[in-house]
């Protein structure tokens, strides 16, 4: 069985752009259309990440191949162009006014997290509960909460009681930032204008925010737990 999340972009005097992403119901991995676009820039050997663990037997970069399914629809978009984005998930529909770079960033984030890239798998539980256009504070709250819950369950299943640590999460985000930089290099060969490239920069910014809050200060969450 599969679940579907649809992104619809509306802009004045332009046809609606609809991107349907299908996910395996059990693993929530993105399902790639075998007949979909497979450009040269999506080959694993093309601007391969320096920290990529995949071997030569893998022909296509999972993240790049996922992005390639919809990138042609945005290759001529400027980052500042305005759009209305409607995101339909199995449980709700979210509509917002945004720039194309913001809308594409949300779409990119969901795609990369579920693509099968070994370095983005840690984000897949969050993707299962996708929150389009999350703010910086929402991103930090969701990331830290999900990680602590995952760590608690892992310790419970193994019968151990380790104190919580964000070391692995910080390392995962540092690794992901490298992936983002190489993804941006790939996309230069697939776009004419800057909307998609800037979208990757937005994603990378979010990847840097969460580790900044794991030193015990939780600056971006200040006041969140005040109830009186």
N, C-alpha and C. Protein backbone atom coordinates (compact mmCIF):
# COMPACT_ATOMS: atom_id res chain seq x y z
N UNK A 1 0.83 -1.19 0.00
CA UNK A 1 0.00 0.00 0.00
C UNK A 1 0.87 1.25 0.00
N UNK A 2 0.33 2.32 -0.50
CA UNK A 2 1.08 3.57 -0.57
C UNK A 2 0.25 4.72 0.02
N UNK A 3 0.96 5.75 0.44
CA UNK A 3 0.34 7.00 0.83
C UNK A 3 0.81 8.08 -0.13
N UNK A 4 -0.01 9.08 -0.35
CA UNK A 4 0.31 10.12 -1.31
C UNK A 4 0.23 11.49 -0.66
N UNK A 5 1.23 12.33 -0.96
CA UNK A 5 1.21 13.74 -0.59
C UNK A 5 1.33 14.54 -1.89
N UNK A 6 0.43 15.48 -2.09
CA UNK A 6 0.40 16.26 -3.33
C UNK A 6 0.73 17.71 -3.04
N UNK A 7 1.63 18.26 -3.85
CA UNK A 7 1.96 19.69 -3.82
C UNK A 7 1.39 20.33 -5.07
N UNK A 8 0.63 21.41 -4.89
CA UNK A 8 0.07 22.12 -6.04
C UNK A 8 0.51 23.59 -5.96
N UNK A 9 1.10 24.07 -7.05
CA UNK A 9 1.60 25.44 -7.12
C UNK A 9 0.71 26.24 -8.08
N UNK A 10 0.22 27.37 -7.59
CA UNK A 10 -0.63 28.24 -8.40
C UNK A 10 0.07 29.60 -8.54
N UNK A 11 0.17 30.09 -9.77
CA UNK A 11 0.77 31.39 -10.03
C UNK A 11 -0.06 32.10 -11.09
N UNK A 12 -0.12 33.44 -11.05
CA UNK A 12 -0.94 34.19 -12.01
C UNK A 12 -0.55 33.89 -13.46
N UNK A 13 -1.56 33.66 -14.27
CA UNK A 13 -1.40 33.46 -15.71
C UNK A 13 -0.54 32.24 -16.06
N UNK A 14 -0.46 31.30 -15.15
CA UNK A 14 0.30 30.07 -15.40
C UNK A 14 -0.57 28.87 -15.07
N UNK A 15 -0.27 27.76 -15.70
CA UNK A 15 -0.98 26.53 -15.41
C UNK A 15 -0.57 26.00 -14.04
N UNK A 16 -1.50 25.36 -13.38
CA UNK A 16 -1.21 24.74 -12.08
C UNK A 16 -0.12 23.68 -12.25
N UNK A 17 0.81 23.65 -11.30
CA UNK A 17 1.82 22.59 -11.27
C UNK A 17 1.48 21.66 -10.12
N UNK A 18 1.27 20.40 -10.40
CA UNK A 18 0.95 19.43 -9.35
C UNK A 18 2.01 18.35 -9.31
N UNK A 19 2.55 18.12 -8.12
CA UNK A 19 3.55 17.09 -7.89
C UNK A 19 2.97 16.10 -6.89
N UNK A 20 2.84 14.85 -7.29
CA UNK A 20 2.33 13.80 -6.42
C UNK A 20 3.48 12.90 -5.98
N UNK A 21 3.69 12.81 -4.68
CA UNK A 21 4.73 11.95 -4.13
C UNK A 21 4.06 10.75 -3.46
N UNK A 22 4.49 9.56 -3.82
CA UNK A 22 3.92 8.33 -3.27
C UNK A 22 4.93 7.63 -2.37
N UNK A 23 4.46 7.15 -1.22
CA UNK A 23 5.34 6.57 -0.23
C UNK A 23 4.87 5.17 0.17
N UNK A 24 5.84 4.28 0.40
CA UNK A 24 5.53 2.96 0.91
C UNK A 24 4.90 3.10 2.29
N UNK A 25 3.79 2.45 2.51
CA UNK A 25 3.04 2.63 3.76
C UNK A 25 3.80 2.14 4.98
N UNK A 26 4.67 1.15 4.80
CA UNK A 26 5.41 0.58 5.93
C UNK A 26 6.70 1.35 6.22
N UNK A 27 7.53 1.55 5.20
CA UNK A 27 8.83 2.20 5.40
C UNK A 27 8.80 3.69 5.16
N UNK A 28 7.77 4.16 4.52
CA UNK A 28 7.61 5.56 4.11
C UNK A 28 8.74 6.02 3.19
N UNK A 29 9.28 5.09 2.42
CA UNK A 29 10.28 5.47 1.41
C UNK A 29 9.56 5.94 0.16
N UNK A 30 10.12 6.95 -0.48
CA UNK A 30 9.56 7.50 -1.70
C UNK A 30 9.57 6.45 -2.81
N UNK A 31 8.46 6.34 -3.52
CA UNK A 31 8.35 5.40 -4.63
C UNK A 31 8.65 6.13 -5.93
N UNK A 32 9.70 5.69 -6.62
CA UNK A 32 10.14 6.34 -7.85
C UNK A 32 9.50 5.68 -9.06
N UNK A 33 8.97 6.50 -9.95
CA UNK A 33 8.40 6.00 -11.19
C UNK A 33 9.53 5.49 -12.09
N UNK A 34 9.51 4.21 -12.39
CA UNK A 34 10.57 3.62 -13.21
C UNK A 34 10.64 4.26 -14.59
N UNK A 35 9.55 4.83 -15.04
CA UNK A 35 9.52 5.48 -16.36
C UNK A 35 9.76 6.98 -16.27
N UNK A 36 10.09 7.45 -15.07
CA UNK A 36 10.32 8.88 -14.86
C UNK A 36 11.65 9.34 -15.42
N UNK A 37 11.86 10.65 -15.36
CA UNK A 37 13.07 11.26 -15.89
C UNK A 37 14.30 10.82 -15.10
N UNK A 38 15.37 10.45 -15.83
CA UNK A 38 16.64 10.06 -15.21
C UNK A 38 17.77 10.81 -15.90
N UNK A 39 17.96 12.08 -15.52
CA UNK A 39 18.99 12.90 -16.17
C UNK A 39 20.40 12.49 -15.74
N UNK A 40 21.38 12.89 -16.51
CA UNK A 40 22.76 12.53 -16.23
C UNK A 40 23.22 13.07 -14.88
N UNK A 41 22.73 14.26 -14.50
CA UNK A 41 23.19 14.84 -13.24
C UNK A 41 22.73 14.05 -12.03
N UNK A 42 21.79 13.12 -12.21
CA UNK A 42 21.30 12.31 -11.10
C UNK A 42 22.09 11.01 -10.93
N UNK A 43 23.05 10.75 -11.81
CA UNK A 43 23.88 9.56 -11.64
C UNK A 43 24.72 9.71 -10.37
N UNK A 44 24.92 8.60 -9.68
CA UNK A 44 25.66 8.64 -8.43
C UNK A 44 27.08 9.19 -8.61
N UNK A 45 27.68 8.89 -9.74
CA UNK A 45 29.07 9.30 -9.98
C UNK A 45 29.19 10.78 -10.32
N UNK A 46 28.08 11.46 -10.57
CA UNK A 46 28.10 12.87 -10.95
C UNK A 46 28.00 13.73 -9.69
N UNK A 47 29.09 14.42 -9.34
CA UNK A 47 29.13 15.21 -8.10
C UNK A 47 28.75 14.37 -6.89
N UNK A 48 29.31 13.17 -6.82
CA UNK A 48 29.02 12.27 -5.71
C UNK A 48 29.48 12.87 -4.39
N UNK A 49 28.66 12.78 -3.37
CA UNK A 49 29.01 13.31 -2.06
C UNK A 49 30.28 12.62 -1.55
N UNK A 50 31.16 13.39 -0.96
CA UNK A 50 32.41 12.84 -0.46
C UNK A 50 32.20 11.85 0.68
N UNK A 51 31.04 11.93 1.34
CA UNK A 51 30.74 11.02 2.45
C UNK A 51 29.71 9.96 2.08
N UNK A 52 29.47 9.78 0.79
CA UNK A 52 28.46 8.81 0.34
C UNK A 52 28.96 7.37 0.57
N UNK A 53 28.15 6.54 1.25
CA UNK A 53 28.56 5.15 1.51
C UNK A 53 28.17 4.18 0.39
N UNK A 54 27.46 4.66 -0.63
CA UNK A 54 26.99 3.78 -1.69
C UNK A 54 28.12 3.44 -2.65
N UNK A 55 28.11 2.21 -3.14
CA UNK A 55 29.18 1.73 -4.01
C UNK A 55 28.87 1.93 -5.48
N UNK A 56 29.82 1.53 -6.33
CA UNK A 56 29.70 1.72 -7.77
C UNK A 56 28.56 0.91 -8.37
N UNK A 57 28.09 -0.12 -7.63
CA UNK A 57 26.99 -0.92 -8.14
C UNK A 57 25.67 -0.16 -8.16
N UNK A 58 25.61 0.98 -7.45
CA UNK A 58 24.42 1.83 -7.44
C UNK A 58 24.57 2.88 -8.53
N UNK A 59 23.66 2.90 -9.48
CA UNK A 59 23.79 3.77 -10.64
C UNK A 59 23.31 5.19 -10.37
N UNK A 60 22.24 5.31 -9.59
CA UNK A 60 21.60 6.61 -9.41
C UNK A 60 21.64 7.06 -7.96
N UNK A 61 21.92 8.34 -7.75
CA UNK A 61 21.83 8.93 -6.41
C UNK A 61 20.37 8.95 -5.99
N UNK A 62 20.00 8.33 -4.87
CA UNK A 62 18.59 8.26 -4.48
C UNK A 62 17.93 9.64 -4.34
N UNK A 63 18.63 10.56 -3.68
CA UNK A 63 18.05 11.89 -3.47
C UNK A 63 17.90 12.63 -4.79
N UNK A 64 18.94 12.60 -5.62
CA UNK A 64 18.90 13.30 -6.90
C UNK A 64 17.81 12.72 -7.80
N UNK A 65 17.66 11.41 -7.78
CA UNK A 65 16.64 10.79 -8.63
C UNK A 65 15.25 11.18 -8.18
N UNK A 66 15.06 11.31 -6.87
CA UNK A 66 13.76 11.75 -6.37
C UNK A 66 13.46 13.17 -6.81
N UNK A 67 14.45 14.04 -6.71
CA UNK A 67 14.27 15.44 -7.11
C UNK A 67 14.04 15.55 -8.61
N UNK A 68 14.70 14.69 -9.37
CA UNK A 68 14.61 14.75 -10.84
C UNK A 68 13.18 14.51 -11.33
N UNK A 69 12.35 13.87 -10.52
CA UNK A 69 10.99 13.57 -10.94
C UNK A 69 10.15 14.82 -11.11
N UNK A 70 10.52 15.90 -10.39
CA UNK A 70 9.70 17.11 -10.48
C UNK A 70 10.49 18.37 -10.84
N UNK A 71 11.81 18.31 -10.85
CA UNK A 71 12.61 19.51 -11.08
C UNK A 71 12.29 20.22 -12.39
N UNK A 72 12.03 19.51 -13.50
CA UNK A 72 11.73 20.22 -14.75
C UNK A 72 10.60 21.24 -14.64
N UNK A 73 9.68 21.02 -13.74
CA UNK A 73 8.55 21.94 -13.58
C UNK A 73 8.98 23.28 -12.99
N UNK A 74 10.17 23.33 -12.40
CA UNK A 74 10.62 24.54 -11.72
C UNK A 74 11.95 25.07 -12.24
N UNK A 75 12.48 24.48 -13.30
CA UNK A 75 13.83 24.83 -13.73
C UNK A 75 13.97 26.28 -14.21
N UNK A 76 12.86 26.89 -14.64
CA UNK A 76 12.92 28.27 -15.14
C UNK A 76 12.35 29.28 -14.15
N UNK A 77 12.19 28.86 -12.89
CA UNK A 77 11.59 29.74 -11.88
C UNK A 77 12.66 30.54 -11.13
N UNK A 78 12.38 31.85 -10.97
CA UNK A 78 13.20 32.67 -10.10
C UNK A 78 12.77 32.45 -8.65
N UNK A 79 13.71 32.59 -7.73
CA UNK A 79 13.43 32.32 -6.32
C UNK A 79 12.36 33.24 -5.75
N UNK A 80 12.32 34.49 -6.22
CA UNK A 80 11.43 35.47 -5.63
C UNK A 80 10.01 35.44 -6.22
N UNK A 81 9.77 34.66 -7.26
CA UNK A 81 8.43 34.61 -7.85
C UNK A 81 7.43 34.09 -6.83
N UNK A 82 6.26 34.71 -6.80
CA UNK A 82 5.26 34.37 -5.79
C UNK A 82 4.31 33.29 -6.30
N UNK A 83 3.82 32.51 -5.36
CA UNK A 83 2.92 31.41 -5.68
C UNK A 83 2.03 31.11 -4.48
N UNK A 84 0.94 30.45 -4.74
CA UNK A 84 0.13 29.86 -3.68
C UNK A 84 0.37 28.36 -3.74
N UNK A 85 0.73 27.80 -2.60
CA UNK A 85 1.03 26.37 -2.55
C UNK A 85 -0.01 25.65 -1.70
N UNK A 86 -0.55 24.60 -2.26
CA UNK A 86 -1.51 23.76 -1.54
C UNK A 86 -0.89 22.38 -1.37
N UNK A 87 -0.79 21.93 -0.13
CA UNK A 87 -0.22 20.62 0.17
C UNK A 87 -1.30 19.74 0.77
N UNK A 88 -1.59 18.67 0.08
CA UNK A 88 -2.62 17.73 0.54
C UNK A 88 -1.97 16.45 1.04
N UNK A 89 -2.17 16.16 2.32
CA UNK A 89 -1.68 14.92 2.92
C UNK A 89 -2.89 14.02 3.19
N UNK A 90 -2.67 12.78 3.61
CA UNK A 90 -3.81 11.90 3.89
C UNK A 90 -4.73 12.41 5.00
N UNK A 91 -4.24 13.33 5.84
CA UNK A 91 -5.04 13.77 6.98
C UNK A 91 -5.46 15.23 6.94
N UNK A 92 -4.78 16.07 6.13
CA UNK A 92 -5.12 17.50 6.13
C UNK A 92 -4.61 18.15 4.85
N UNK A 93 -5.09 19.37 4.61
CA UNK A 93 -4.62 20.18 3.49
C UNK A 93 -4.13 21.51 4.03
N UNK A 94 -2.93 21.91 3.62
CA UNK A 94 -2.31 23.16 4.05
C UNK A 94 -2.16 24.07 2.84
N UNK A 95 -2.59 25.30 2.98
CA UNK A 95 -2.48 26.27 1.89
C UNK A 95 -1.74 27.50 2.40
N UNK A 96 -0.78 27.99 1.62
CA UNK A 96 -0.04 29.17 2.04
C UNK A 96 0.40 30.00 0.84
N UNK A 97 0.60 31.29 1.07
CA UNK A 97 1.22 32.15 0.07
C UNK A 97 2.71 32.14 0.32
N UNK A 98 3.49 31.96 -0.73
CA UNK A 98 4.93 31.83 -0.56
C UNK A 98 5.65 32.23 -1.84
N UNK A 99 6.96 32.24 -1.77
CA UNK A 99 7.77 32.33 -2.98
C UNK A 99 8.03 30.92 -3.48
N UNK A 100 8.44 30.82 -4.73
CA UNK A 100 8.72 29.49 -5.27
C UNK A 100 9.86 28.81 -4.51
N UNK A 101 10.86 29.58 -4.09
CA UNK A 101 11.98 28.95 -3.38
C UNK A 101 11.51 28.31 -2.07
N UNK A 102 10.55 28.95 -1.39
CA UNK A 102 10.04 28.39 -0.14
C UNK A 102 9.21 27.14 -0.39
N UNK A 103 8.37 27.19 -1.41
CA UNK A 103 7.56 26.02 -1.73
C UNK A 103 8.40 24.85 -2.18
N UNK A 104 9.40 25.12 -3.01
CA UNK A 104 10.28 24.04 -3.49
C UNK A 104 11.10 23.48 -2.34
N UNK A 105 11.52 24.34 -1.39
CA UNK A 105 12.30 23.87 -0.25
C UNK A 105 11.52 22.84 0.55
N UNK A 106 10.24 23.09 0.77
CA UNK A 106 9.40 22.15 1.50
C UNK A 106 9.28 20.83 0.75
N UNK A 107 9.10 20.93 -0.55
CA UNK A 107 9.00 19.75 -1.40
C UNK A 107 10.32 18.98 -1.44
N UNK A 108 11.43 19.71 -1.54
CA UNK A 108 12.75 19.08 -1.54
C UNK A 108 13.04 18.35 -0.24
N UNK A 109 12.70 19.01 0.87
CA UNK A 109 12.95 18.41 2.16
C UNK A 109 12.23 17.09 2.33
N UNK A 110 10.97 17.04 1.93
CA UNK A 110 10.20 15.80 2.02
C UNK A 110 10.79 14.74 1.10
N UNK A 111 11.18 15.13 -0.10
CA UNK A 111 11.71 14.18 -1.07
C UNK A 111 13.03 13.59 -0.61
N UNK A 112 13.94 14.44 -0.16
CA UNK A 112 15.27 13.95 0.25
C UNK A 112 15.17 13.06 1.48
N UNK A 113 14.30 13.41 2.42
CA UNK A 113 14.17 12.63 3.65
C UNK A 113 13.66 11.22 3.38
N UNK A 114 12.89 11.05 2.33
CA UNK A 114 12.26 9.75 2.04
C UNK A 114 12.87 9.04 0.84
N UNK A 115 13.91 9.61 0.26
CA UNK A 115 14.45 9.12 -1.02
C UNK A 115 15.18 7.79 -0.93
N UNK A 116 15.66 7.45 0.25
CA UNK A 116 16.50 6.27 0.39
C UNK A 116 17.96 6.63 0.55
N UNK A 117 18.28 7.91 0.52
CA UNK A 117 19.65 8.35 0.80
C UNK A 117 20.02 7.90 2.21
N UNK A 118 21.15 7.19 2.38
CA UNK A 118 21.52 6.68 3.71
C UNK A 118 21.68 7.79 4.75
N UNK A 119 22.05 8.99 4.31
CA UNK A 119 22.33 10.05 5.27
C UNK A 119 21.08 10.86 5.65
N UNK A 120 19.96 10.61 5.00
CA UNK A 120 18.74 11.34 5.35
C UNK A 120 17.69 10.45 5.99
N UNK A 121 18.01 9.17 6.18
CA UNK A 121 17.03 8.24 6.73
C UNK A 121 16.55 8.65 8.13
N UNK A 122 17.41 9.31 8.90
CA UNK A 122 17.03 9.67 10.26
C UNK A 122 15.88 10.67 10.29
N UNK A 123 15.59 11.30 9.15
CA UNK A 123 14.50 12.27 9.07
C UNK A 123 13.18 11.63 8.63
N UNK A 124 13.22 10.37 8.27
CA UNK A 124 12.00 9.77 7.72
C UNK A 124 10.84 9.68 8.71
N UNK A 125 11.08 9.43 10.01
CA UNK A 125 9.95 9.47 10.95
C UNK A 125 9.26 10.83 10.97
N UNK A 126 10.03 11.92 10.81
CA UNK A 126 9.42 13.25 10.74
C UNK A 126 8.63 13.40 9.44
N UNK A 127 9.16 12.86 8.35
CA UNK A 127 8.48 12.95 7.06
C UNK A 127 7.13 12.24 7.10
N UNK A 128 7.04 11.19 7.87
CA UNK A 128 5.77 10.45 8.00
C UNK A 128 4.69 11.36 8.58
N UNK A 129 5.10 12.32 9.39
CA UNK A 129 4.17 13.31 9.96
C UNK A 129 4.52 14.68 9.38
N UNK A 130 4.56 14.75 8.08
CA UNK A 130 5.04 15.93 7.35
C UNK A 130 4.29 17.19 7.75
N UNK A 131 5.08 18.23 8.09
CA UNK A 131 4.52 19.53 8.42
C UNK A 131 5.07 20.54 7.41
N UNK A 132 4.31 20.84 6.36
CA UNK A 132 4.81 21.77 5.34
C UNK A 132 5.06 23.16 5.92
N UNK A 133 6.13 23.79 5.45
CA UNK A 133 6.44 25.18 5.79
C UNK A 133 6.63 25.40 7.29
N UNK A 134 7.24 24.43 7.96
CA UNK A 134 7.51 24.57 9.38
C UNK A 134 8.45 25.74 9.63
N UNK A 135 8.22 26.46 10.71
CA UNK A 135 9.10 27.56 11.10
C UNK A 135 10.38 26.98 11.70
N UNK A 136 11.35 27.85 11.96
CA UNK A 136 12.59 27.41 12.59
C UNK A 136 12.30 26.79 13.95
N UNK A 137 11.44 27.44 14.73
CA UNK A 137 11.13 26.93 16.07
C UNK A 137 10.41 25.58 15.99
N UNK A 138 9.47 25.46 15.06
CA UNK A 138 8.76 24.19 14.90
C UNK A 138 9.72 23.09 14.47
N UNK A 139 10.67 23.43 13.60
CA UNK A 139 11.64 22.44 13.13
C UNK A 139 12.50 21.94 14.28
N UNK A 140 13.00 22.86 15.11
CA UNK A 140 13.83 22.46 16.24
C UNK A 140 13.03 21.61 17.22
N UNK A 141 11.82 22.03 17.53
CA UNK A 141 10.98 21.29 18.48
C UNK A 141 10.70 19.87 17.97
N UNK A 142 10.31 19.76 16.72
CA UNK A 142 9.99 18.45 16.14
C UNK A 142 11.22 17.56 16.07
N UNK A 143 12.35 18.13 15.64
CA UNK A 143 13.56 17.33 15.48
C UNK A 143 14.06 16.78 16.81
N UNK A 144 14.15 17.66 17.80
CA UNK A 144 14.65 17.22 19.10
C UNK A 144 13.68 16.26 19.78
N UNK A 145 12.40 16.54 19.69
CA UNK A 145 11.41 15.67 20.33
C UNK A 145 11.41 14.28 19.70
N UNK A 146 11.44 14.23 18.38
CA UNK A 146 11.44 12.94 17.68
C UNK A 146 12.69 12.14 18.01
N UNK A 147 13.83 12.83 18.07
CA UNK A 147 15.08 12.13 18.35
C UNK A 147 15.08 11.56 19.76
N UNK A 148 14.63 12.35 20.74
CA UNK A 148 14.60 11.86 22.11
C UNK A 148 13.63 10.69 22.26
N UNK A 149 12.50 10.74 21.58
CA UNK A 149 11.54 9.64 21.63
C UNK A 149 12.13 8.38 21.01
N UNK A 150 12.82 8.55 19.87
CA UNK A 150 13.47 7.41 19.22
C UNK A 150 14.53 6.80 20.12
N UNK A 151 15.31 7.67 20.79
CA UNK A 151 16.37 7.20 21.68
C UNK A 151 15.77 6.47 22.89
N UNK A 152 14.67 7.01 23.41
CA UNK A 152 14.01 6.36 24.54
C UNK A 152 13.51 4.97 24.16
N UNK A 153 12.87 4.87 22.99
CA UNK A 153 12.34 3.57 22.55
C UNK A 153 13.48 2.58 22.32
N UNK A 154 14.56 3.04 21.72
CA UNK A 154 15.71 2.16 21.46
C UNK A 154 16.28 1.64 22.78
N UNK A 155 16.46 2.53 23.75
CA UNK A 155 16.98 2.11 25.06
C UNK A 155 16.02 1.16 25.76
N UNK A 156 14.72 1.44 25.64
CA UNK A 156 13.71 0.58 26.26
C UNK A 156 13.74 -0.81 25.66
N UNK A 157 13.82 -0.88 24.32
CA UNK A 157 13.83 -2.19 23.65
C UNK A 157 15.07 -3.00 23.99
N UNK A 158 16.19 -2.30 24.24
CA UNK A 158 17.44 -2.98 24.55
C UNK A 158 17.65 -3.17 26.05
N UNK A 159 16.73 -2.65 26.85
CA UNK A 159 16.81 -2.82 28.28
C UNK A 159 17.93 -2.04 28.93
N UNK A 160 18.26 -0.89 28.35
CA UNK A 160 19.33 -0.06 28.91
C UNK A 160 18.75 1.30 29.30
N UNK A 161 19.52 2.04 30.09
CA UNK A 161 19.03 3.32 30.57
C UNK A 161 20.13 4.37 30.45
N UNK A 162 20.45 4.74 29.23
CA UNK A 162 21.48 5.75 29.00
C UNK A 162 20.87 7.15 29.12
N UNK A 163 21.60 8.09 29.66
CA UNK A 163 21.10 9.48 29.68
C UNK A 163 21.01 10.00 28.26
N UNK A 164 20.05 10.89 27.99
CA UNK A 164 19.88 11.39 26.62
C UNK A 164 21.10 12.18 26.15
N UNK A 165 21.44 11.99 24.89
CA UNK A 165 22.56 12.71 24.28
C UNK A 165 22.20 13.05 22.86
N UNK A 166 22.61 14.23 22.43
CA UNK A 166 22.33 14.66 21.06
C UNK A 166 23.53 14.49 20.14
N UNK A 167 24.54 13.78 20.59
CA UNK A 167 25.77 13.65 19.80
C UNK A 167 25.50 13.04 18.43
N UNK A 168 24.75 11.95 18.40
CA UNK A 168 24.46 11.29 17.12
C UNK A 168 23.62 12.18 16.21
N UNK A 169 22.70 12.93 16.79
CA UNK A 169 21.86 13.82 15.99
C UNK A 169 22.70 14.94 15.38
N UNK A 170 23.61 15.51 16.17
CA UNK A 170 24.48 16.56 15.65
C UNK A 170 25.34 16.04 14.50
N UNK A 171 25.84 14.83 14.66
CA UNK A 171 26.66 14.24 13.61
C UNK A 171 25.83 13.99 12.35
N UNK A 172 24.58 13.55 12.54
CA UNK A 172 23.71 13.28 11.39
C UNK A 172 23.42 14.55 10.62
N UNK A 173 23.19 15.65 11.32
CA UNK A 173 22.93 16.92 10.63
C UNK A 173 24.17 17.46 9.95
N UNK A 174 25.35 17.27 10.56
CA UNK A 174 26.59 17.70 9.92
C UNK A 174 26.82 16.92 8.63
N UNK A 175 26.52 15.64 8.66
CA UNK A 175 26.64 14.80 7.47
C UNK A 175 25.65 15.25 6.40
N UNK A 176 24.44 15.56 6.83
CA UNK A 176 23.40 15.99 5.90
C UNK A 176 23.76 17.31 5.22
N UNK A 177 24.44 18.19 5.94
CA UNK A 177 24.85 19.46 5.35
C UNK A 177 25.80 19.25 4.18
N UNK A 178 26.65 18.25 4.28
CA UNK A 178 27.54 17.91 3.16
C UNK A 178 26.72 17.43 1.97
N UNK A 179 25.73 16.61 2.24
CA UNK A 179 24.85 16.12 1.17
C UNK A 179 24.16 17.28 0.48
N UNK A 180 23.69 18.25 1.25
CA UNK A 180 23.00 19.41 0.67
C UNK A 180 23.91 20.18 -0.28
N UNK A 181 25.17 20.34 0.10
CA UNK A 181 26.09 21.11 -0.73
C UNK A 181 26.33 20.41 -2.07
N UNK A 182 26.44 19.09 -2.06
CA UNK A 182 26.65 18.37 -3.31
C UNK A 182 25.37 18.29 -4.14
N UNK A 183 24.22 18.25 -3.46
CA UNK A 183 22.95 18.26 -4.18
C UNK A 183 22.80 19.57 -4.95
N UNK A 184 23.19 20.66 -4.32
CA UNK A 184 23.12 21.96 -4.99
C UNK A 184 23.99 21.97 -6.25
N UNK A 185 25.16 21.36 -6.18
CA UNK A 185 26.03 21.29 -7.36
C UNK A 185 25.38 20.49 -8.47
N UNK A 186 24.71 19.40 -8.10
CA UNK A 186 24.01 18.59 -9.10
C UNK A 186 22.93 19.41 -9.81
N UNK A 187 22.16 20.15 -9.01
CA UNK A 187 21.01 20.85 -9.56
C UNK A 187 21.40 21.96 -10.53
N UNK A 188 22.63 22.45 -10.43
CA UNK A 188 23.08 23.49 -11.36
C UNK A 188 22.99 23.02 -12.81
N UNK A 189 23.10 21.71 -12.99
CA UNK A 189 23.02 21.16 -14.35
C UNK A 189 21.59 20.91 -14.79
N UNK A 190 20.63 21.08 -13.85
CA UNK A 190 19.25 20.77 -14.19
C UNK A 190 18.32 21.95 -14.18
N UNK A 191 18.84 23.15 -13.87
CA UNK A 191 17.98 24.33 -13.81
C UNK A 191 18.57 25.48 -14.61
N UNK A 192 17.69 26.42 -14.96
CA UNK A 192 18.10 27.61 -15.70
C UNK A 192 18.16 28.83 -14.78
N UNK A 193 17.34 28.82 -13.71
CA UNK A 193 17.26 29.95 -12.78
C UNK A 193 17.41 29.44 -11.35
N UNK A 194 17.26 30.34 -10.38
CA UNK A 194 17.79 30.04 -9.05
C UNK A 194 16.81 29.53 -8.00
N UNK A 195 15.54 29.33 -8.32
CA UNK A 195 14.57 28.97 -7.29
C UNK A 195 14.93 27.65 -6.60
N UNK A 196 15.26 26.63 -7.37
CA UNK A 196 15.57 25.33 -6.78
C UNK A 196 16.89 25.37 -6.02
N UNK A 197 17.86 26.12 -6.53
CA UNK A 197 19.16 26.23 -5.85
C UNK A 197 19.00 26.91 -4.50
N UNK A 198 18.24 28.00 -4.47
CA UNK A 198 18.00 28.69 -3.20
C UNK A 198 17.19 27.83 -2.24
N UNK A 199 16.35 26.96 -2.79
CA UNK A 199 15.57 26.06 -1.94
C UNK A 199 16.50 25.12 -1.17
N UNK A 200 17.57 24.66 -1.81
CA UNK A 200 18.54 23.79 -1.13
C UNK A 200 19.23 24.57 -0.01
N UNK A 201 19.53 25.84 -0.27
CA UNK A 201 20.17 26.67 0.76
C UNK A 201 19.26 26.84 1.97
N UNK A 202 17.95 26.97 1.72
CA UNK A 202 16.99 27.07 2.82
C UNK A 202 17.01 25.79 3.64
N UNK A 203 17.02 24.65 2.96
CA UNK A 203 17.08 23.36 3.64
C UNK A 203 18.33 23.25 4.50
N UNK A 204 19.46 23.67 3.93
CA UNK A 204 20.71 23.57 4.66
C UNK A 204 20.69 24.47 5.90
N UNK A 205 20.02 25.61 5.78
CA UNK A 205 19.89 26.48 6.94
C UNK A 205 19.15 25.79 8.07
N UNK A 206 18.09 25.06 7.74
CA UNK A 206 17.36 24.32 8.76
C UNK A 206 18.22 23.20 9.35
N UNK A 207 19.09 22.61 8.54
CA UNK A 207 19.96 21.54 9.04
C UNK A 207 20.96 22.06 10.05
N UNK A 208 21.27 23.36 9.98
CA UNK A 208 22.24 23.95 10.91
C UNK A 208 21.59 24.45 12.19
N UNK A 209 20.29 24.70 12.14
CA UNK A 209 19.59 25.29 13.28
C UNK A 209 19.49 24.33 14.46
N UNK A 210 19.08 23.09 14.19
CA UNK A 210 18.85 22.14 15.28
C UNK A 210 20.10 21.88 16.12
N UNK A 211 21.26 21.60 15.51
CA UNK A 211 22.46 21.39 16.34
C UNK A 211 22.83 22.58 17.21
N UNK A 212 22.44 23.78 16.80
CA UNK A 212 22.74 24.96 17.61
C UNK A 212 21.95 24.98 18.91
N UNK A 213 20.96 24.09 19.01
CA UNK A 213 20.10 24.06 20.19
C UNK A 213 20.35 22.84 21.08
N UNK A 214 21.42 22.11 20.82
CA UNK A 214 21.64 20.87 21.57
C UNK A 214 22.73 21.00 22.63
N UNK A 215 23.15 22.23 22.91
CA UNK A 215 24.18 22.43 23.93
C UNK A 215 23.59 22.64 25.32
N UNK A 216 22.29 22.52 25.43
CA UNK A 216 21.62 22.70 26.71
C UNK A 216 20.94 24.04 26.86
N UNK A 217 21.20 24.96 25.93
CA UNK A 217 20.59 26.29 26.02
C UNK A 217 19.19 26.31 25.41
N UNK A 218 19.00 25.54 24.32
CA UNK A 218 17.71 25.48 23.64
C UNK A 218 17.15 26.88 23.36
N UNK A 219 18.00 27.72 22.81
CA UNK A 219 17.65 29.13 22.63
C UNK A 219 16.39 29.33 21.80
N UNK A 220 16.24 28.52 20.73
CA UNK A 220 15.08 28.70 19.86
C UNK A 220 13.80 28.19 20.49
N UNK A 221 13.91 27.51 21.63
CA UNK A 221 12.71 27.00 22.31
C UNK A 221 12.42 27.78 23.58
N UNK A 222 13.12 28.90 23.75
CA UNK A 222 12.91 29.70 24.95
C UNK A 222 11.46 30.17 25.03
N UNK A 223 10.83 29.88 26.13
CA UNK A 223 9.45 30.29 26.36
C UNK A 223 8.42 29.27 25.92
N UNK A 224 8.83 28.22 25.19
CA UNK A 224 7.86 27.25 24.68
C UNK A 224 7.17 26.51 25.82
N UNK A 225 7.90 26.24 26.89
CA UNK A 225 7.35 25.42 27.97
C UNK A 225 6.78 26.26 29.12
N UNK A 226 6.72 27.57 28.94
CA UNK A 226 6.10 28.42 29.95
C UNK A 226 4.59 28.37 29.79
N UNK A 227 3.89 27.96 30.81
CA UNK A 227 2.42 27.81 30.71
C UNK A 227 1.68 28.73 31.66
N UNK A 228 2.39 29.49 32.48
CA UNK A 228 1.73 30.44 33.38
C UNK A 228 2.50 31.74 33.40
